[in-house]
Amino acid sequence: MSGLSERLLRSEGENANDSEDLYEIDNGERADIRTLLGPAYAQDLVFWRHSLITLVFGLLLGLVTFGYLTSLEDIQAKWWGERYGKSISSVGFFKGKIYWVGITSLAGVLVGITKILINFPRKLDGFFKEVKQENVHKGYGLKVFVVSYISLAGGVSLGPEAAMASLGGGMNQRWAEVMKYEPEMMQRQVINGFTASIGALFPNPIVAVMCMLEVANMKTMHSEYMRTLVQATIGACSSFASFFWLKDESYFPFNPLALTYSFKSGDMSKAVLIGIVCAFLGVVHIVITGGVKKTFTLLGSRIRNEKIRLVVLPMCK
């Protein structure tokens, strides 16, 4: 064992004055490396039992993701056409069909009706807030899943991440409630559910783990950081494996440019310019979206019946 390893394994009291063995944590305090990594866990049978549960839920969520995305692709292909998105010309300007406007409008009406039927909440925590709180409101996960499915089938340009995360986090949280886990254990199960639910959406399951660790509230994980990291990885990898076993490709396809294009040093400058232009267009898109929503909200305020307003203008709060 190296000298550094020996120093890291010494008790906190022995190395309290040794600055090499102390590390900064989120609140600015200094602590021994073991404070960050947490206690040993691999010899704990509870850890392996929870890991097995995470594995099962991950496999199940991978299958759900496969059914979710495959059925959406089939529905969209019925009205977009089989060739849509297969070539650059099919997604160019003025290449759409006029009846698409009617389909997306009817989908919006259907979303409004569905919200009334399932008693969809007026205010709902978004994906990032749910992850930071490590909590999914009871019964909300399935409702978000259903509404998002109808929206995506109707042509809304959103990703499936929020819907899948709400479903996966809600499933794990419900399981933790039934098993009467302690609050900290329940939070870890929710994080495992979030990670497993999006593990199949990326070309690499580790991307889902890194995204979750980046967004989640790590202050609540410090006591069991490594345990959480390992179980989240198990959930993401099992979901990824079951999805690829059926689909044989990821939701985000691998970029073929790496195999067909010879990159040059000048491409970096082009990439910077493209990034600036895209950022500008993104801001313009956000401004236009906000203006449209504000306009429809003002129009919706003239409709006194809340249910009619929700059906006709589902985007209005």
C-alpha atoms as a PDB file:
ATOM      1  CA  MET A   1       0.000   0.000   0.000  1.00  0.00           C
ATOM      2  CA  SER A   2       1.372   3.427  -0.964  1.00  0.00           C
ATOM      3  CA  GLY A   3       2.104   6.138   1.573  1.00  0.00           C
ATOM      4  CA  LEU A   4      -0.779   8.223   0.280  1.00  0.00           C
ATOM      5  CA  SER A   5      -3.203   5.324   0.675  1.00  0.00           C
ATOM      6  CA  GLU A   6      -2.020   4.729   4.214  1.00  0.00           C
ATOM      7  CA  ARG A   7      -2.568   8.384   5.074  1.00  0.00           C
ATOM      8  CA  LEU A   8      -6.070   8.331   3.602  1.00  0.00           C
ATOM      9  CA  LEU A   9      -6.981   5.317   5.713  1.00  0.00           C
ATOM     10  CA  ARG A  10      -5.885   6.822   8.990  1.00  0.00           C
ATOM     11  CA  SER A  11      -8.567   7.992  11.385  1.00  0.00           C
ATOM     12  CA  GLU A  12      -9.834  11.546  11.276  1.00  0.00           C
ATOM     13  CA  GLY A  13      -8.328  12.282  14.633  1.00  0.00           C
ATOM     14  CA  GLU A  14      -4.872  11.183  13.529  1.00  0.00           C
ATOM     15  CA  ASN A  15      -4.820  13.358  10.426  1.00  0.00           C
ATOM     16  CA  ALA A  16      -6.859  16.314  11.653  1.00  0.00           C
ATOM     17  CA  ASN A  17      -3.834  18.570  11.139  1.00  0.00           C
ATOM     18  CA  ASP A  18      -2.713  16.985   7.881  1.00  0.00           C
ATOM     19  CA  SER A  19      -3.998  19.176   5.036  1.00  0.00           C
ATOM     20  CA  GLU A  20      -3.159  16.525   2.408  1.00  0.00           C
ATOM     21  CA  ASP A  21      -5.853  14.191   3.753  1.00  0.00           C
ATOM     22  CA  LEU A  22      -8.633  16.785   4.006  1.00  0.00           C
ATOM     23  CA  TYR A  23     -10.997  17.730   1.192  1.00  0.00           C
ATOM     24  CA  GLU A  24     -13.435  20.565   0.645  1.00  0.00           C
ATOM     25  CA  ILE A  25     -17.151  19.694   0.697  1.00  0.00           C
ATOM     26  CA  ASP A  26     -20.095  21.742  -0.585  1.00  0.00           C
ATOM     27  CA  ASN A  27     -20.608  23.927   2.476  1.00  0.00           C
ATOM     28  CA  GLY A  28     -16.950  24.958   2.588  1.00  0.00           C
ATOM     29  CA  GLU A  29     -16.002  22.743   5.530  1.00  0.00           C
ATOM     30  CA  ARG A  30     -13.051  20.365   5.405  1.00  0.00           C
ATOM     31  CA  ALA A  31     -13.496  16.673   5.969  1.00  0.00           C
ATOM     32  CA  ASP A  32     -11.683  13.366   5.682  1.00  0.00           C
ATOM     33  CA  ILE A  33     -12.000  11.616   2.312  1.00  0.00           C
ATOM     34  CA  ARG A  34     -14.129   8.911   3.952  1.00  0.00           C
ATOM     35  CA  THR A  35     -16.705  11.559   4.855  1.00  0.00           C
ATOM     36  CA  LEU A  36     -17.294  12.105   1.143  1.00  0.00           C
ATOM     37  CA  LEU A  37     -17.202   8.475   0.036  1.00  0.00           C
ATOM     38  CA  GLY A  38     -19.295   7.214   2.933  1.00  0.00           C
ATOM     39  CA  PRO A  39     -18.912   4.027   4.958  1.00  0.00           C
ATOM     40  CA  ALA A  40     -18.128   0.618   3.479  1.00  0.00           C
ATOM     41  CA  TYR A  41     -21.186  -0.931   1.863  1.00  0.00           C
ATOM     42  CA  ALA A  42     -20.213  -4.000  -0.195  1.00  0.00           C
ATOM     43  CA  GLN A  43     -20.421  -6.343   2.816  1.00  0.00           C
ATOM     44  CA  ASP A  44     -23.922  -5.140   3.683  1.00  0.00           C
ATOM     45  CA  LEU A  45     -26.646  -7.565   2.525  1.00  0.00           C
ATOM     46  CA  VAL A  46     -29.120  -4.681   2.380  1.00  0.00           C
ATOM     47  CA  PHE A  47     -26.969  -3.074  -0.316  1.00  0.00           C
ATOM     48  CA  TRP A  48     -27.110  -6.182  -2.486  1.00  0.00           C
ATOM     49  CA  ARG A  49     -30.848  -6.579  -1.963  1.00  0.00           C
ATOM     50  CA  HIS A  50     -31.462  -3.005  -3.053  1.00  0.00           C
ATOM     51  CA  SER A  51     -29.069  -3.451  -5.962  1.00  0.00           C
ATOM     52  CA  LEU A  52     -31.080  -6.461  -7.122  1.00  0.00           C
ATOM     53  CA  ILE A  53     -34.287  -4.419  -6.902  1.00  0.00           C
ATOM     54  CA  THR A  54     -32.620  -1.635  -8.909  1.00  0.00           C
ATOM     55  CA  LEU A  55     -31.531  -4.189 -11.512  1.00  0.00           C
ATOM     56  CA  VAL A  56     -35.083  -5.521 -11.914  1.00  0.00           C
ATOM     57  CA  PHE A  57     -36.598  -2.057 -12.146  1.00  0.00           C
ATOM     58  CA  GLY A  58     -33.918  -1.060 -14.661  1.00  0.00           C
ATOM     59  CA  LEU A  59     -34.711  -4.033 -16.906  1.00  0.00           C
ATOM     60  CA  LEU A  60     -38.418  -3.247 -16.666  1.00  0.00           C
ATOM     61  CA  LEU A  61     -37.938   0.448 -17.469  1.00  0.00           C
ATOM     62  CA  GLY A  62     -35.813  -0.477 -20.474  1.00  0.00           C
ATOM     63  CA  LEU A  63     -38.710  -2.547 -21.819  1.00  0.00           C
ATOM     64  CA  VAL A  64     -41.162   0.283 -21.102  1.00  0.00           C
ATOM     65  CA  THR A  65     -38.881   2.735 -22.913  1.00  0.00           C
ATOM     66  CA  PHE A  66     -38.732   0.414 -25.910  1.00  0.00           C
ATOM     67  CA  GLY A  67     -42.518   0.175 -26.114  1.00  0.00           C
ATOM     68  CA  TYR A  68     -42.912   3.901 -25.518  1.00  0.00           C
ATOM     69  CA  LEU A  69     -40.525   5.042 -28.248  1.00  0.00           C
ATOM     70  CA  THR A  70     -41.354   2.325 -30.783  1.00  0.00           C
ATOM     71  CA  SER A  71     -45.087   2.997 -30.623  1.00  0.00           C
ATOM     72  CA  LEU A  72     -44.488   6.744 -30.901  1.00  0.00           C
ATOM     73  CA  GLU A  73     -42.345   6.264 -33.993  1.00  0.00           C
ATOM     74  CA  ASP A  74     -45.049   4.096 -35.576  1.00  0.00           C
ATOM     75  CA  ILE A  75     -47.787   6.646 -34.854  1.00  0.00           C
ATOM     76  CA  GLN A  76     -45.733   9.561 -36.142  1.00  0.00           C
ATOM     77  CA  ALA A  77     -44.804   7.652 -39.301  1.00  0.00           C
ATOM     78  CA  LYS A  78     -48.499   7.180 -40.110  1.00  0.00           C
ATOM     79  CA  TRP A  79     -49.048  10.901 -40.662  1.00  0.00           C
ATOM     80  CA  TRP A  80     -45.529  12.183 -41.292  1.00  0.00           C
ATOM     81  CA  GLY A  81     -44.827   9.530 -43.889  1.00  0.00           C
ATOM     82  CA  GLU A  82     -42.277   6.742 -43.887  1.00  0.00           C
ATOM     83  CA  ARG A  83     -39.630   8.871 -45.612  1.00  0.00           C
ATOM     84  CA  TYR A  84     -39.817  11.820 -43.224  1.00  0.00           C
ATOM     85  CA  GLY A  85     -36.504  12.387 -41.486  1.00  0.00           C
ATOM     86  CA  LYS A  86     -34.701   9.835 -43.657  1.00  0.00           C
ATOM     87  CA  SER A  87     -33.166  12.511 -45.888  1.00  0.00           C
ATOM     88  CA  ILE A  88     -32.202  16.173 -45.624  1.00  0.00           C
ATOM     89  CA  SER A  89     -34.738  17.197 -48.255  1.00  0.00           C
ATOM     90  CA  SER A  90     -37.631  15.759 -46.222  1.00  0.00           C
ATOM     91  CA  VAL A  91     -37.026  18.157 -43.329  1.00  0.00           C
ATOM     92  CA  GLY A  92     -36.283  21.304 -45.346  1.00  0.00           C
ATOM     93  CA  PHE A  93     -38.334  24.489 -45.395  1.00  0.00           C
ATOM     94  CA  PHE A  94     -41.833  24.215 -46.890  1.00  0.00           C
ATOM     95  CA  LYS A  95     -41.585  20.427 -47.094  1.00  0.00           C
ATOM     96  CA  GLY A  96     -44.443  19.816 -44.669  1.00  0.00           C
ATOM     97  CA  LYS A  97     -48.088  19.079 -45.391  1.00  0.00           C
ATOM     98  CA  ILE A  98     -50.961  21.450 -44.715  1.00  0.00           C
ATOM     99  CA  TYR A  99     -52.963  18.759 -42.922  1.00  0.00           C
ATOM    100  CA  TRP A 100     -50.222  18.511 -40.307  1.00  0.00           C
ATOM    101  CA  VAL A 101     -51.590  21.735 -38.785  1.00  0.00           C
ATOM    102  CA  GLY A 102     -54.945  20.032 -38.254  1.00  0.00           C
ATOM    103  CA  ILE A 103     -53.348  16.952 -36.704  1.00  0.00           C
ATOM    104  CA  THR A 104     -51.279  18.940 -34.224  1.00  0.00           C
ATOM    105  CA  SER A 105     -54.317  21.096 -33.349  1.00  0.00           C
ATOM    106  CA  LEU A 106     -56.484  18.044 -32.715  1.00  0.00           C
ATOM    107  CA  ALA A 107     -53.682  16.558 -30.611  1.00  0.00           C
ATOM    108  CA  GLY A 108     -53.703  19.728 -28.491  1.00  0.00           C
ATOM    109  CA  VAL A 109     -57.445  19.402 -27.951  1.00  0.00           C
ATOM    110  CA  LEU A 110     -56.989  15.743 -27.010  1.00  0.00           C
ATOM    111  CA  VAL A 111     -54.304  16.744 -24.501  1.00  0.00           C
ATOM    112  CA  GLY A 112     -56.726  19.202 -22.902  1.00  0.00           C
ATOM    113  CA  ILE A 113     -59.501  16.589 -22.682  1.00  0.00           C
ATOM    114  CA  THR A 114     -57.092  14.045 -21.236  1.00  0.00           C
ATOM    115  CA  LYS A 115     -55.964  16.491 -18.546  1.00  0.00           C
ATOM    116  CA  ILE A 116     -59.580  16.916 -17.461  1.00  0.00           C
ATOM    117  CA  LEU A 117     -60.283  13.173 -17.449  1.00  0.00           C
ATOM    118  CA  ILE A 118     -57.225  12.252 -15.383  1.00  0.00           C
ATOM    119  CA  ASN A 119     -57.428  15.341 -13.142  1.00  0.00           C
ATOM    120  CA  PHE A 120     -54.034  16.609 -14.243  1.00  0.00           C
ATOM    121  CA  PRO A 121     -52.574  19.113 -11.724  1.00  0.00           C
ATOM    122  CA  ARG A 122     -52.576  22.774 -12.719  1.00  0.00           C
ATOM    123  CA  LYS A 123     -49.035  23.233 -11.434  1.00  0.00           C
ATOM    124  CA  LEU A 124     -46.492  20.484 -11.793  1.00  0.00           C
ATOM    125  CA  ASP A 125     -42.847  20.262 -10.789  1.00  0.00           C
ATOM    126  CA  GLY A 126     -40.597  19.992 -13.801  1.00  0.00           C
ATOM    127  CA  PHE A 127     -37.972  17.320 -14.393  1.00  0.00           C
ATOM    128  CA  PHE A 128     -35.067  19.259 -12.880  1.00  0.00           C
ATOM    129  CA  LYS A 129     -37.022  20.252  -9.782  1.00  0.00           C
ATOM    130  CA  GLU A 130     -38.106  16.650  -9.206  1.00  0.00           C
ATOM    131  CA  VAL A 131     -34.498  15.503  -9.466  1.00  0.00           C
ATOM    132  CA  LYS A 132     -33.244  18.182  -7.081  1.00  0.00           C
ATOM    133  CA  GLN A 133     -36.007  17.368  -4.577  1.00  0.00           C
ATOM    134  CA  GLU A 134     -35.469  13.614  -5.131  1.00  0.00           C
ATOM    135  CA  ASN A 135     -39.209  13.266  -4.984  1.00  0.00           C
ATOM    136  CA  VAL A 136     -42.129  12.612  -7.360  1.00  0.00           C
ATOM    137  CA  HIS A 137     -45.588  13.590  -6.204  1.00  0.00           C
ATOM    138  CA  LYS A 138     -47.766  10.554  -5.698  1.00  0.00           C
ATOM    139  CA  GLY A 139     -49.750   9.688  -8.807  1.00  0.00           C
ATOM    140  CA  TYR A 140     -48.139  12.376 -10.970  1.00  0.00           C
ATOM    141  CA  GLY A 141     -45.651  10.127 -12.759  1.00  0.00           C
ATOM    142  CA  LEU A 142     -48.223   8.133 -14.724  1.00  0.00           C
ATOM    143  CA  LYS A 143     -50.223  11.268 -15.577  1.00  0.00           C
ATOM    144  CA  VAL A 144     -47.149  13.006 -16.982  1.00  0.00           C
ATOM    145  CA  PHE A 145     -46.333   9.842 -18.916  1.00  0.00           C
ATOM    146  CA  VAL A 146     -49.798   9.720 -20.555  1.00  0.00           C
ATOM    147  CA  VAL A 147     -50.004  13.431 -21.416  1.00  0.00           C
ATOM    148  CA  SER A 148     -46.460  13.457 -22.809  1.00  0.00           C
ATOM    149  CA  TYR A 149     -47.220  10.388 -24.935  1.00  0.00           C
ATOM    150  CA  ILE A 150     -50.234  12.070 -26.555  1.00  0.00           C
ATOM    151  CA  SER A 151     -48.266  15.303 -27.063  1.00  0.00           C
ATOM    152  CA  LEU A 152     -45.339  13.539 -28.732  1.00  0.00           C
ATOM    153  CA  ALA A 153     -47.639  11.424 -30.892  1.00  0.00           C
ATOM    154  CA  GLY A 154     -49.287  14.656 -32.042  1.00  0.00           C
ATOM    155  CA  GLY A 155     -46.023  16.218 -33.152  1.00  0.00           C
ATOM    156  CA  VAL A 156     -44.877  18.258 -30.160  1.00  0.00           C
ATOM    157  CA  SER A 157     -41.127  18.821 -30.410  1.00  0.00           C
ATOM    158  CA  LEU A 158     -40.219  17.567 -26.951  1.00  0.00           C
ATOM    159  CA  GLY A 159     -38.049  14.740 -25.737  1.00  0.00           C
ATOM    160  CA  PRO A 160     -39.236  11.721 -23.745  1.00  0.00           C
ATOM    161  CA  GLU A 161     -36.798  12.268 -20.880  1.00  0.00           C
ATOM    162  CA  ALA A 162     -39.174  14.090 -18.515  1.00  0.00           C
ATOM    163  CA  ALA A 163     -41.997  11.581 -19.014  1.00  0.00           C
ATOM    164  CA  MET A 164     -39.757   8.546 -18.538  1.00  0.00           C
ATOM    165  CA  ALA A 165     -38.014  10.085 -15.516  1.00  0.00           C
ATOM    166  CA  SER A 166     -41.324  10.880 -13.793  1.00  0.00           C
ATOM    167  CA  LEU A 167     -42.534   7.344 -14.417  1.00  0.00           C
ATOM    168  CA  GLY A 168     -39.314   5.672 -13.266  1.00  0.00           C
ATOM    169  CA  GLY A 169     -38.829   7.894 -10.228  1.00  0.00           C
ATOM    170  CA  GLY A 170     -42.491   7.489  -9.286  1.00  0.00           C
ATOM    171  CA  MET A 171     -42.332   3.687  -9.571  1.00  0.00           C
ATOM    172  CA  ASN A 172     -39.291   3.469  -7.328  1.00  0.00           C
ATOM    173  CA  GLN A 173     -40.739   5.936  -4.837  1.00  0.00           C
ATOM    174  CA  ARG A 174     -43.989   3.987  -4.646  1.00  0.00           C
ATOM    175  CA  TRP A 175     -42.010   0.794  -4.030  1.00  0.00           C
ATOM    176  CA  ALA A 176     -40.026   2.520  -1.278  1.00  0.00           C
ATOM    177  CA  GLU A 177     -43.263   3.712   0.340  1.00  0.00           C
ATOM    178  CA  VAL A 178     -44.767   0.212   0.266  1.00  0.00           C
ATOM    179  CA  MET A 179     -41.596  -1.216   1.800  1.00  0.00           C
ATOM    180  CA  LYS A 180     -41.551   1.629   4.356  1.00  0.00           C
ATOM    181  CA  TYR A 181     -37.989   2.693   3.671  1.00  0.00           C
ATOM    182  CA  GLU A 182     -36.384   5.468   5.658  1.00  0.00           C
ATOM    183  CA  PRO A 183     -36.413   8.945   4.007  1.00  0.00           C
ATOM    184  CA  GLU A 184     -32.758   8.810   2.936  1.00  0.00           C
ATOM    185  CA  MET A 185     -33.193   5.312   1.516  1.00  0.00           C
ATOM    186  CA  MET A 186     -36.318   6.470  -0.333  1.00  0.00           C
ATOM    187  CA  GLN A 187     -34.406   9.375  -1.880  1.00  0.00           C
ATOM    188  CA  ARG A 188     -31.742   7.012  -3.171  1.00  0.00           C
ATOM    189  CA  GLN A 189     -34.418   4.780  -4.681  1.00  0.00           C
ATOM    190  CA  VAL A 190     -35.940   7.778  -6.471  1.00  0.00           C
ATOM    191  CA  ILE A 191     -32.532   8.714  -7.895  1.00  0.00           C
ATOM    192  CA  ASN A 192     -32.056   5.104  -9.012  1.00  0.00           C
ATOM    193  CA  GLY A 193     -35.436   5.251 -10.745  1.00  0.00           C
ATOM    194  CA  PHE A 194     -34.598   8.523 -12.477  1.00  0.00           C
ATOM    195  CA  THR A 195     -31.277   7.184 -13.720  1.00  0.00           C
ATOM    196  CA  ALA A 196     -32.696   3.855 -14.898  1.00  0.00           C
ATOM    197  CA  SER A 197     -35.562   5.559 -16.715  1.00  0.00           C
ATOM    198  CA  ILE A 198     -33.237   7.641 -18.914  1.00  0.00           C
ATOM    199  CA  GLY A 199     -30.411   5.113 -19.107  1.00  0.00           C
ATOM    200  CA  ALA A 200     -31.768   3.703 -22.376  1.00  0.00           C
ATOM    201  CA  LEU A 201     -32.113   7.101 -24.049  1.00  0.00           C
ATOM    202  CA  PHE A 202     -28.414   7.808 -24.522  1.00  0.00           C
ATOM    203  CA  PRO A 203     -25.739   6.062 -26.620  1.00  0.00           C
ATOM    204  CA  ASN A 204     -23.956   5.274 -23.343  1.00  0.00           C
ATOM    205  CA  PRO A 205     -25.681   4.581 -19.984  1.00  0.00           C
ATOM    206  CA  ILE A 206     -22.904   6.363 -18.086  1.00  0.00           C
ATOM    207  CA  VAL A 207     -24.141   9.609 -19.629  1.00  0.00           C
ATOM    208  CA  ALA A 208     -27.397   9.173 -17.696  1.00  0.00           C
ATOM    209  CA  VAL A 209     -25.472   8.594 -14.462  1.00  0.00           C
ATOM    210  CA  MET A 210     -23.303  11.671 -14.966  1.00  0.00           C
ATOM    211  CA  CYS A 211     -26.328  13.824 -15.846  1.00  0.00           C
ATOM    212  CA  MET A 212     -28.137  12.696 -12.716  1.00  0.00           C
ATOM    213  CA  LEU A 213     -25.152  13.333 -10.454  1.00  0.00           C
ATOM    214  CA  GLU A 214     -24.776  16.767 -12.027  1.00  0.00           C
ATOM    215  CA  VAL A 215     -28.411  17.789 -11.481  1.00  0.00           C
ATOM    216  CA  ALA A 216     -29.312  15.980  -8.252  1.00  0.00           C
ATOM    217  CA  ASN A 217     -28.933  17.536  -4.813  1.00  0.00           C
ATOM    218  CA  MET A 218     -25.638  15.984  -3.808  1.00  0.00           C
ATOM    219  CA  LYS A 219     -25.756  17.424  -0.282  1.00  0.00           C
ATOM    220  CA  THR A 220     -28.276  14.726   0.627  1.00  0.00           C
ATOM    221  CA  MET A 221     -26.038  12.006  -0.802  1.00  0.00           C
ATOM    222  CA  HIS A 222     -22.752  12.701   0.929  1.00  0.00           C
ATOM    223  CA  SER A 223     -23.255  10.084   3.623  1.00  0.00           C
ATOM    224  CA  GLU A 224     -23.916   7.366   1.007  1.00  0.00           C
ATOM    225  CA  TYR A 225     -22.342   8.816  -2.139  1.00  0.00           C
ATOM    226  CA  MET A 226     -20.592   5.676  -3.435  1.00  0.00           C
ATOM    227  CA  ARG A 227     -23.578   3.455  -2.647  1.00  0.00           C
ATOM    228  CA  THR A 228     -25.833   5.807  -4.635  1.00  0.00           C
ATOM    229  CA  LEU A 229     -23.357   5.984  -7.510  1.00  0.00           C
ATOM    230  CA  VAL A 230     -23.036   2.204  -7.802  1.00  0.00           C
ATOM    231  CA  GLN A 231     -26.772   1.512  -7.643  1.00  0.00           C
ATOM    232  CA  ALA A 232     -27.581   4.289 -10.106  1.00  0.00           C
ATOM    233  CA  THR A 233     -25.049   2.780 -12.511  1.00  0.00           C
ATOM    234  CA  ILE A 234     -26.672  -0.639 -12.124  1.00  0.00           C
ATOM    235  CA  GLY A 235     -30.072   0.846 -12.946  1.00  0.00           C
ATOM    236  CA  ALA A 236     -28.844   2.752 -16.001  1.00  0.00           C
ATOM    237  CA  CYS A 237     -26.868  -0.193 -17.403  1.00  0.00           C
ATOM    238  CA  SER A 238     -29.689  -2.707 -16.943  1.00  0.00           C
ATOM    239  CA  SER A 239     -32.174  -0.363 -18.622  1.00  0.00           C
ATOM    240  CA  PHE A 240     -29.719   0.244 -21.443  1.00  0.00           C
ATOM    241  CA  ALA A 241     -29.136  -3.504 -21.888  1.00  0.00           C
ATOM    242  CA  SER A 242     -32.805  -4.498 -22.085  1.00  0.00           C
ATOM    243  CA  PHE A 243     -33.578  -1.632 -24.481  1.00  0.00           C
ATOM    244  CA  PHE A 244     -30.664  -2.453 -26.820  1.00  0.00           C
ATOM    245  CA  TRP A 245     -31.510  -6.123 -26.710  1.00  0.00           C
ATOM    246  CA  LEU A 246     -34.809  -5.287 -28.426  1.00  0.00           C
ATOM    247  CA  LYS A 247     -34.045  -2.078 -30.312  1.00  0.00           C
ATOM    248  CA  ASP A 248     -30.395  -2.543 -31.278  1.00  0.00           C
ATOM    249  CA  GLU A 249     -29.953   1.232 -31.423  1.00  0.00           C
ATOM    250  CA  SER A 250     -30.226   4.215 -29.089  1.00  0.00           C
ATOM    251  CA  TYR A 251     -32.798   6.985 -29.056  1.00  0.00           C
ATOM    252  CA  PHE A 252     -29.961   9.388 -29.890  1.00  0.00           C
ATOM    253  CA  PRO A 253     -28.257   7.734 -32.883  1.00  0.00           C
ATOM    254  CA  PHE A 254     -24.503   7.531 -33.062  1.00  0.00           C
ATOM    255  CA  ASN A 255     -22.952  10.298 -35.156  1.00  0.00           C
ATOM    256  CA  PRO A 256     -21.703   8.836 -38.469  1.00  0.00           C
ATOM    257  CA  LEU A 257     -19.472  11.866 -39.148  1.00  0.00           C
ATOM    258  CA  ALA A 258     -16.715  10.377 -37.023  1.00  0.00           C
ATOM    259  CA  LEU A 259     -16.435   7.529 -39.555  1.00  0.00           C
ATOM    260  CA  THR A 260     -16.971   9.396 -42.818  1.00  0.00           C
ATOM    261  CA  TYR A 261     -15.501  12.862 -42.336  1.00  0.00           C
ATOM    262  CA  SER A 262     -11.879  13.890 -41.925  1.00  0.00           C
ATOM    263  CA  PHE A 263     -11.803  16.701 -39.391  1.00  0.00           C
ATOM    264  CA  LYS A 264      -9.476  19.698 -39.892  1.00  0.00           C
ATOM    265  CA  SER A 265      -8.148  22.316 -37.507  1.00  0.00           C
ATOM    266  CA  GLY A 266     -10.293  25.027 -39.098  1.00  0.00           C
ATOM    267  CA  ASP A 267     -13.434  23.129 -38.170  1.00  0.00           C
ATOM    268  CA  MET A 268     -13.109  24.377 -34.594  1.00  0.00           C
ATOM    269  CA  SER A 269     -13.566  27.979 -35.745  1.00  0.00           C
ATOM    270  CA  LYS A 270     -16.599  26.963 -37.766  1.00  0.00           C
ATOM    271  CA  ALA A 271     -18.001  25.169 -34.740  1.00  0.00           C
ATOM    272  CA  VAL A 272     -17.641  28.312 -32.615  1.00  0.00           C
ATOM    273  CA  LEU A 273     -19.475  30.374 -35.237  1.00  0.00           C
ATOM    274  CA  ILE A 274     -22.228  27.773 -35.519  1.00  0.00           C
ATOM    275  CA  GLY A 275     -22.561  27.730 -31.731  1.00  0.00           C
ATOM    276  CA  ILE A 276     -22.993  31.514 -31.583  1.00  0.00           C
ATOM    277  CA  VAL A 277     -25.616  31.474 -34.349  1.00  0.00           C
ATOM    278  CA  CYS A 278     -27.497  28.602 -32.680  1.00  0.00           C
ATOM    279  CA  ALA A 279     -27.448  30.405 -29.348  1.00  0.00           C
ATOM    280  CA  PHE A 280     -28.936  33.492 -31.005  1.00  0.00           C
ATOM    281  CA  LEU A 281     -31.621  31.429 -32.732  1.00  0.00           C
ATOM    282  CA  GLY A 282     -32.357  29.698 -29.435  1.00  0.00           C
ATOM    283  CA  VAL A 283     -32.941  33.031 -27.710  1.00  0.00           C
ATOM    284  CA  VAL A 284     -35.202  34.137 -30.569  1.00  0.00           C
ATOM    285  CA  HIS A 285     -37.140  30.877 -30.262  1.00  0.00           C
ATOM    286  CA  ILE A 286     -37.602  31.366 -26.520  1.00  0.00           C
ATOM    287  CA  VAL A 287     -38.801  34.953 -27.010  1.00  0.00           C
ATOM    288  CA  ILE A 288     -41.296  33.922 -29.695  1.00  0.00           C
ATOM    289  CA  THR A 289     -42.546  31.023 -27.556  1.00  0.00           C
ATOM    290  CA  GLY A 290     -43.001  33.314 -24.571  1.00  0.00           C
ATOM    291  CA  GLY A 291     -44.872  35.838 -26.697  1.00  0.00           C
ATOM    292  CA  VAL A 292     -47.181  33.191 -28.134  1.00  0.00           C
ATOM    293  CA  LYS A 293     -47.910  31.764 -24.687  1.00  0.00           C
ATOM    294  CA  LYS A 294     -48.611  35.245 -23.310  1.00  0.00           C
ATOM    295  CA  THR A 295     -50.996  35.931 -26.184  1.00  0.00           C
ATOM    296  CA  PHE A 296     -52.912  32.690 -25.685  1.00  0.00           C
ATOM    297  CA  THR A 297     -53.008  33.258 -21.943  1.00  0.00           C
ATOM    298  CA  LEU A 298     -54.655  36.635 -22.487  1.00  0.00           C
ATOM    299  CA  LEU A 299     -57.143  35.038 -24.882  1.00  0.00           C
ATOM    300  CA  GLY A 300     -57.788  32.229 -22.416  1.00  0.00           C
ATOM    301  CA  SER A 301     -58.550  34.707 -19.628  1.00  0.00           C
ATOM    302  CA  ARG A 302     -61.655  35.717 -21.595  1.00  0.00           C
ATOM    303  CA  ILE A 303     -63.007  32.145 -21.383  1.00  0.00           C
ATOM    304  CA  ARG A 304     -64.621  31.833 -17.970  1.00  0.00           C
ATOM    305  CA  ASN A 305     -65.246  28.081 -18.003  1.00  0.00           C
ATOM    306  CA  GLU A 306     -62.020  26.476 -16.832  1.00  0.00           C
ATOM    307  CA  LYS A 307     -62.625  23.123 -18.540  1.00  0.00           C
ATOM    308  CA  ILE A 308     -63.412  24.698 -21.894  1.00  0.00           C
ATOM    309  CA  ARG A 309     -60.329  26.894 -21.551  1.00  0.00           C
ATOM    310  CA  LEU A 310     -58.172  23.853 -20.800  1.00  0.00           C
ATOM    311  CA  VAL A 311     -59.445  21.988 -23.880  1.00  0.00           C
ATOM    312  CA  VAL A 312     -59.268  24.902 -26.321  1.00  0.00           C
ATOM    313  CA  LEU A 313     -56.041  26.387 -24.974  1.00  0.00           C
ATOM    314  CA  PRO A 314     -54.197  23.594 -23.116  1.00  0.00           C
ATOM    315  CA  MET A 315     -51.001  25.621 -22.917  1.00  0.00           C
ATOM    316  CA  CYS A 316     -52.681  28.257 -20.715  1.00  0.00           C
ATOM    317  CA  LYS A 317     -52.311  27.955 -16.948  1.00  0.00           C
END
